[in-house]
Amino acid sequence: MVERKDVEAALEARRELGQAYEPEIVDAMVDKIERRLDERLRGRRPAPAPRHHYYETRLALGSIGLGIGATAVSNGMGSAGIAVAIVAWIAIAVVNVAYALRR
């Protein structure tokens, strides 16, 4: 991270300048180390969060079950039942798409 020659140069500067300049020498060395750390951290990309397919499977199967149930209930309602089934399936699709886009 910080090269040996940099540390040796800081120590030599401290010997030549004396203790009066020690805080400035230490601060300069700390600044150099922090800059190098920042450069290294900027080069790294965070790992993507793992996807849990378990929850996606539960959502998909639960949605299908609810859709089948809503269709079965609306079956005996005539033309109004068809509208209820269509609205239920659209709502289920919207929930599933929103969940997929959120991940």
C-alpha atoms as a PDB file:
ATOM      1  CA  MET A   1       0.000   0.000   0.000  1.00  0.00           C
ATOM      2  CA  VAL A   2       2.586   2.562   1.105  1.00  0.00           C
ATOM      3  CA  GLU A   3       6.053   1.903  -0.199  1.00  0.00           C
ATOM      4  CA  ARG A   4       8.988   1.375   2.107  1.00  0.00           C
ATOM      5  CA  LYS A   5      10.853   4.334   0.594  1.00  0.00           C
ATOM      6  CA  ASP A   6       7.982   6.659   1.600  1.00  0.00           C
ATOM      7  CA  VAL A   7       8.190   5.547   5.223  1.00  0.00           C
ATOM      8  CA  GLU A   8      11.975   5.823   5.195  1.00  0.00           C
ATOM      9  CA  ALA A   9      11.742   9.326   3.723  1.00  0.00           C
ATOM     10  CA  ALA A  10       9.313  10.362   6.464  1.00  0.00           C
ATOM     11  CA  LEU A  11      11.625   8.995   9.157  1.00  0.00           C
ATOM     12  CA  GLU A  12      14.642  10.737   7.618  1.00  0.00           C
ATOM     13  CA  ALA A  13      12.729  14.020   7.422  1.00  0.00           C
ATOM     14  CA  ARG A  14      11.850  13.676  11.090  1.00  0.00           C
ATOM     15  CA  ARG A  15      15.518  13.095  11.972  1.00  0.00           C
ATOM     16  CA  GLU A  16      16.640  16.114   9.969  1.00  0.00           C
ATOM     17  CA  LEU A  17      13.886  18.518  11.015  1.00  0.00           C
ATOM     18  CA  GLY A  18      13.524  17.385  14.621  1.00  0.00           C
ATOM     19  CA  GLN A  19      10.529  16.792  16.822  1.00  0.00           C
ATOM     20  CA  ALA A  20       9.059  20.218  16.156  1.00  0.00           C
ATOM     21  CA  TYR A  21       7.916  19.097  12.694  1.00  0.00           C
ATOM     22  CA  GLU A  22       6.799  15.613  13.735  1.00  0.00           C
ATOM     23  CA  PRO A  23       3.019  16.347  13.632  1.00  0.00           C
ATOM     24  CA  GLU A  24       3.287  17.711  10.075  1.00  0.00           C
ATOM     25  CA  ILE A  25       5.316  14.712   8.929  1.00  0.00           C
ATOM     26  CA  VAL A  26       2.838  12.274  10.495  1.00  0.00           C
ATOM     27  CA  ASP A  27      -0.138  14.144   9.001  1.00  0.00           C
ATOM     28  CA  ALA A  28       1.452  14.049   5.536  1.00  0.00           C
ATOM     29  CA  MET A  29       2.039  10.306   5.852  1.00  0.00           C
ATOM     30  CA  VAL A  30      -1.533   9.702   7.040  1.00  0.00           C
ATOM     31  CA  ASP A  31      -2.890  11.762   4.136  1.00  0.00           C
ATOM     32  CA  LYS A  32      -0.865   9.697   1.672  1.00  0.00           C
ATOM     33  CA  ILE A  33      -2.154   6.443   3.177  1.00  0.00           C
ATOM     34  CA  GLU A  34      -5.763   7.697   3.082  1.00  0.00           C
ATOM     35  CA  ARG A  35      -5.423   8.747  -0.582  1.00  0.00           C
ATOM     36  CA  ARG A  36      -4.097   5.321  -1.502  1.00  0.00           C
ATOM     37  CA  LEU A  37      -6.943   3.626   0.394  1.00  0.00           C
ATOM     38  CA  ASP A  38      -9.514   5.817  -1.375  1.00  0.00           C
ATOM     39  CA  GLU A  39      -7.992   4.927  -4.751  1.00  0.00           C
ATOM     40  CA  ARG A  40      -8.181   1.223  -3.969  1.00  0.00           C
ATOM     41  CA  LEU A  41     -11.762   1.439  -2.697  1.00  0.00           C
ATOM     42  CA  ARG A  42     -12.914   3.375  -5.759  1.00  0.00           C
ATOM     43  CA  GLY A  43     -11.625   0.585  -7.971  1.00  0.00           C
ATOM     44  CA  ARG A  44     -13.732  -2.058  -6.253  1.00  0.00           C
ATOM     45  CA  ARG A  45     -17.350  -2.730  -7.081  1.00  0.00           C
ATOM     46  CA  PRO A  46     -19.678  -4.091  -4.428  1.00  0.00           C
ATOM     47  CA  ALA A  47     -20.800  -7.661  -4.953  1.00  0.00           C
ATOM     48  CA  PRO A  48     -24.461  -7.940  -5.964  1.00  0.00           C
ATOM     49  CA  ALA A  49     -26.776  -9.225  -3.287  1.00  0.00           C
ATOM     50  CA  PRO A  50     -27.713 -12.864  -3.769  1.00  0.00           C
ATOM     51  CA  ARG A  51     -31.193 -13.492  -5.078  1.00  0.00           C
ATOM     52  CA  HIS A  52     -33.390 -15.781  -3.072  1.00  0.00           C
ATOM     53  CA  HIS A  53     -35.461 -17.767  -5.557  1.00  0.00           C
ATOM     54  CA  TYR A  54     -37.422 -19.253  -2.663  1.00  0.00           C
ATOM     55  CA  TYR A  55     -39.420 -16.037  -2.230  1.00  0.00           C
ATOM     56  CA  GLU A  56     -39.966 -15.627  -5.962  1.00  0.00           C
ATOM     57  CA  THR A  57     -41.320 -19.167  -6.207  1.00  0.00           C
ATOM     58  CA  ARG A  58     -43.673 -18.596  -3.282  1.00  0.00           C
ATOM     59  CA  LEU A  59     -44.953 -15.377  -4.822  1.00  0.00           C
ATOM     60  CA  ALA A  60     -45.538 -16.985  -8.217  1.00  0.00           C
ATOM     61  CA  LEU A  61     -47.328 -20.050  -6.826  1.00  0.00           C
ATOM     62  CA  GLY A  62     -49.363 -17.956  -4.400  1.00  0.00           C
ATOM     63  CA  SER A  63     -50.393 -15.624  -7.206  1.00  0.00           C
ATOM     64  CA  ILE A  64     -51.547 -18.501  -9.374  1.00  0.00           C
ATOM     65  CA  GLY A  65     -53.523 -19.950  -6.463  1.00  0.00           C
ATOM     66  CA  LEU A  66     -55.218 -16.612  -5.784  1.00  0.00           C
ATOM     67  CA  GLY A  67     -55.964 -16.141  -9.471  1.00  0.00           C
ATOM     68  CA  ILE A  68     -57.547 -19.573  -9.759  1.00  0.00           C
ATOM     69  CA  GLY A  69     -59.579 -18.919  -6.608  1.00  0.00           C
ATOM     70  CA  ALA A  70     -60.771 -15.525  -7.863  1.00  0.00           C
ATOM     71  CA  THR A  71     -61.705 -17.023 -11.224  1.00  0.00           C
ATOM     72  CA  ALA A  72     -63.619 -19.856  -9.550  1.00  0.00           C
ATOM     73  CA  VAL A  73     -65.566 -17.455  -7.300  1.00  0.00           C
ATOM     74  CA  SER A  74     -66.426 -15.143 -10.181  1.00  0.00           C
ATOM     75  CA  ASN A  75     -67.482 -18.033 -12.450  1.00  0.00           C
ATOM     76  CA  GLY A  76     -71.099 -18.051 -11.286  1.00  0.00           C
ATOM     77  CA  MET A  77     -71.544 -14.268 -11.578  1.00  0.00           C
ATOM     78  CA  GLY A  78     -72.117 -14.031 -15.344  1.00  0.00           C
ATOM     79  CA  SER A  79     -70.606 -11.115 -17.268  1.00  0.00           C
ATOM     80  CA  ALA A  80     -69.762  -9.256 -14.044  1.00  0.00           C
ATOM     81  CA  GLY A  81     -67.784 -12.320 -12.963  1.00  0.00           C
ATOM     82  CA  ILE A  82     -65.652 -12.129 -16.093  1.00  0.00           C
ATOM     83  CA  ALA A  83     -64.796  -8.509 -15.269  1.00  0.00           C
ATOM     84  CA  VAL A  84     -63.922  -9.476 -11.681  1.00  0.00           C
ATOM     85  CA  ALA A  85     -61.643 -12.274 -12.912  1.00  0.00           C
ATOM     86  CA  ILE A  86     -59.925  -9.970 -15.398  1.00  0.00           C
ATOM     87  CA  VAL A  87     -59.340  -7.301 -12.747  1.00  0.00           C
ATOM     88  CA  ALA A  88     -58.008  -9.944 -10.323  1.00  0.00           C
ATOM     89  CA  TRP A  89     -55.536 -11.333 -12.884  1.00  0.00           C
ATOM     90  CA  ILE A  90     -54.372  -7.821 -13.849  1.00  0.00           C
ATOM     91  CA  ALA A  91     -53.786  -6.971 -10.177  1.00  0.00           C
ATOM     92  CA  ILE A  92     -51.836 -10.207  -9.699  1.00  0.00           C
ATOM     93  CA  ALA A  93     -49.716  -9.430 -12.775  1.00  0.00           C
ATOM     94  CA  VAL A  94     -48.989  -5.901 -11.536  1.00  0.00           C
ATOM     95  CA  VAL A  95     -47.859  -7.207  -8.128  1.00  0.00           C
ATOM     96  CA  ASN A  96     -45.576  -9.796  -9.738  1.00  0.00           C
ATOM     97  CA  VAL A  97     -44.040  -7.291 -12.182  1.00  0.00           C
ATOM     98  CA  ALA A  98     -43.490  -4.737  -9.400  1.00  0.00           C
ATOM     99  CA  TYR A  99     -41.756  -7.377  -7.277  1.00  0.00           C
ATOM    100  CA  ALA A 100     -39.561  -8.470 -10.190  1.00  0.00           C
ATOM    101  CA  LEU A 101     -38.535  -4.882 -11.014  1.00  0.00           C
ATOM    102  CA  ARG A 102     -37.802  -4.087  -7.370  1.00  0.00           C
ATOM    103  CA  ARG A 103     -35.174  -6.833  -7.210  1.00  0.00           C
END
